[in-house]
C-alpha atoms as a PDB file:
ATOM      1  CA  MET A   1      -0.277  -0.035   0.162  1.00  0.00           C
ATOM      2  CA  LYS A   2       1.488   3.146  -0.518  1.00  0.00           C
ATOM      3  CA  TRP A   3       0.342   6.820   0.378  1.00  0.00           C
ATOM      4  CA  ILE A   4       1.342   9.803   0.337  1.00  0.00           C
ATOM      5  CA  CYS A   5       0.512  13.113   2.830  1.00  0.00           C
ATOM      6  CA  GLU A   6       2.476  16.067   1.628  1.00  0.00           C
ATOM      7  CA  ASP A   7       1.330  18.213   3.844  1.00  0.00           C
ATOM      8  CA  PRO A   8      -0.187  16.579   7.118  1.00  0.00           C
ATOM      9  CA  ASN A   9      -1.648  19.358   8.503  1.00  0.00           C
ATOM     10  CA  SER A  10      -4.190  19.154   5.469  1.00  0.00           C
ATOM     11  CA  LEU A  11      -5.549  16.597   7.571  1.00  0.00           C
ATOM     12  CA  GLU A  12      -7.296  18.997  10.574  1.00  0.00           C
ATOM     13  CA  ASP A  13     -10.311  18.552   8.157  1.00  0.00           C
ATOM     14  CA  ARG A  14     -10.677  15.389   8.733  1.00  0.00           C
ATOM     15  CA  GLY A  15     -11.083  14.970  12.414  1.00  0.00           C
ATOM     16  CA  LEU A  16      -6.532  14.675  12.983  1.00  0.00           C
ATOM     17  CA  HIS A  17      -4.223  16.850  15.171  1.00  0.00           C
ATOM     18  CA  LEU A  18      -0.861  16.667  14.038  1.00  0.00           C
ATOM     19  CA  VAL A  19       0.886  16.793  17.435  1.00  0.00           C
ATOM     20  CA  GLU A  20       4.570  15.751  16.155  1.00  0.00           C
ATOM     21  CA  SER A  21       6.085  15.132  13.024  1.00  0.00           C
ATOM     22  CA  TRP A  22       9.855  13.368  12.059  1.00  0.00           C
ATOM     23  CA  THR A  23      11.819  11.947   9.799  1.00  0.00           C
ATOM     24  CA  TYR A  24      13.417   8.874  10.126  1.00  0.00           C
ATOM     25  CA  ALA A  25      16.903  11.240   9.354  1.00  0.00           C
ATOM     26  CA  SER A  26      15.654  13.250  12.151  1.00  0.00           C
ATOM     27  CA  PRO A  27      13.474  11.070  14.700  1.00  0.00           C
ATOM     28  CA  GLN A  28      12.539  12.702  18.059  1.00  0.00           C
ATOM     29  CA  PRO A  29      15.428  13.359  20.264  1.00  0.00           C
ATOM     30  CA  THR A  30      14.495  10.940  22.764  1.00  0.00           C
ATOM     31  CA  VAL A  31      15.077   8.564  20.160  1.00  0.00           C
ATOM     32  CA  ALA A  32      18.419   9.350  18.408  1.00  0.00           C
ATOM     33  CA  GLN A  33      19.450   9.108  21.759  1.00  0.00           C
ATOM     34  CA  GLN A  34      19.148   5.280  21.826  1.00  0.00           C
ATOM     35  CA  TRP A  35      21.006   4.815  19.069  1.00  0.00           C
ATOM     36  CA  PRO A  36      24.666   4.023  18.577  1.00  0.00           C
ATOM     37  CA  MET A  37      26.724   6.773  17.651  1.00  0.00           C
ATOM     38  CA  ARG A  38      27.381   5.397  14.016  1.00  0.00           C
ATOM     39  CA  TYR A  39      23.736   5.329  13.199  1.00  0.00           C
ATOM     40  CA  ARG A  40      23.637   9.391  14.058  1.00  0.00           C
ATOM     41  CA  VAL A  41      26.699  10.580  12.575  1.00  0.00           C
ATOM     42  CA  GLY A  42      25.407   8.486   9.232  1.00  0.00           C
ATOM     43  CA  MET A  43      22.558   9.587   9.359  1.00  0.00           C
ATOM     44  CA  ARG A  44      23.900  13.033   8.987  1.00  0.00           C
ATOM     45  CA  LEU A  45      25.817  12.302   6.673  1.00  0.00           C
ATOM     46  CA  LEU A  46      23.564  10.963   4.513  1.00  0.00           C
ATOM     47  CA  ARG A  47      21.266  14.157   5.437  1.00  0.00           C
ATOM     48  CA  ALA A  48      23.581  15.804   4.029  1.00  0.00           C
ATOM     49  CA  ILE A  49      24.150  13.290   0.675  1.00  0.00           C
ATOM     50  CA  LEU A  50      20.736  12.931  -0.154  1.00  0.00           C
ATOM     51  CA  PRO A  51      18.905  14.757   1.759  1.00  0.00           C
ATOM     52  CA  ALA A  52      15.438  13.323  -0.414  1.00  0.00           C
ATOM     53  CA  PRO A  53      14.994  10.027   0.739  1.00  0.00           C
ATOM     54  CA  VAL A  54      15.838  10.403   4.487  1.00  0.00           C
ATOM     55  CA  GLU A  55      13.350  13.326   4.711  1.00  0.00           C
ATOM     56  CA  THR A  56      11.182  12.644   2.374  1.00  0.00           C
ATOM     57  CA  TYR A  57       9.353   9.606   4.573  1.00  0.00           C
ATOM     58  CA  LYS A  58       7.681  10.863   7.746  1.00  0.00           C
ATOM     59  CA  LEU A  59       6.774   9.706  10.883  1.00  0.00           C
ATOM     60  CA  ASN A  60       3.463  11.426  11.965  1.00  0.00           C
ATOM     61  CA  LEU A  61       1.705  10.979  15.463  1.00  0.00           C
ATOM     62  CA  PHE A  62      -1.777  12.605  14.889  1.00  0.00           C
ATOM     63  CA  GLU A  63      -4.660  12.350  17.888  1.00  0.00           C
ATOM     64  CA  THR A  64      -8.343  12.750  16.982  1.00  0.00           C
ATOM     65  CA  VAL A  65     -10.378  15.823  17.909  1.00  0.00           C
ATOM     66  CA  ARG A  66     -12.506  13.875  19.477  1.00  0.00           C
ATOM     67  CA  ALA A  67      -9.504  12.688  21.830  1.00  0.00           C
ATOM     68  CA  ARG A  68      -8.423  16.670  22.369  1.00  0.00           C
ATOM     69  CA  ASN A  69     -12.092  17.505  23.111  1.00  0.00           C
ATOM     70  CA  ALA A  70     -11.987  14.925  26.361  1.00  0.00           C
END
């Protein structure tokens, strides 16, 4: 299955609120701290050399409007 959403904020009108958005090259700080140093350095280098592939894939955390109002 392939699904692309260029702008995760565009899903607001569908009842979803974007809480966080991270890429593989720029993960959550708490996640990145757990990576071995070679991965942290490697991702920085990869992002500098080939930014599109590592910045394109995003991990988004949404919450529903219902959850926000509860």
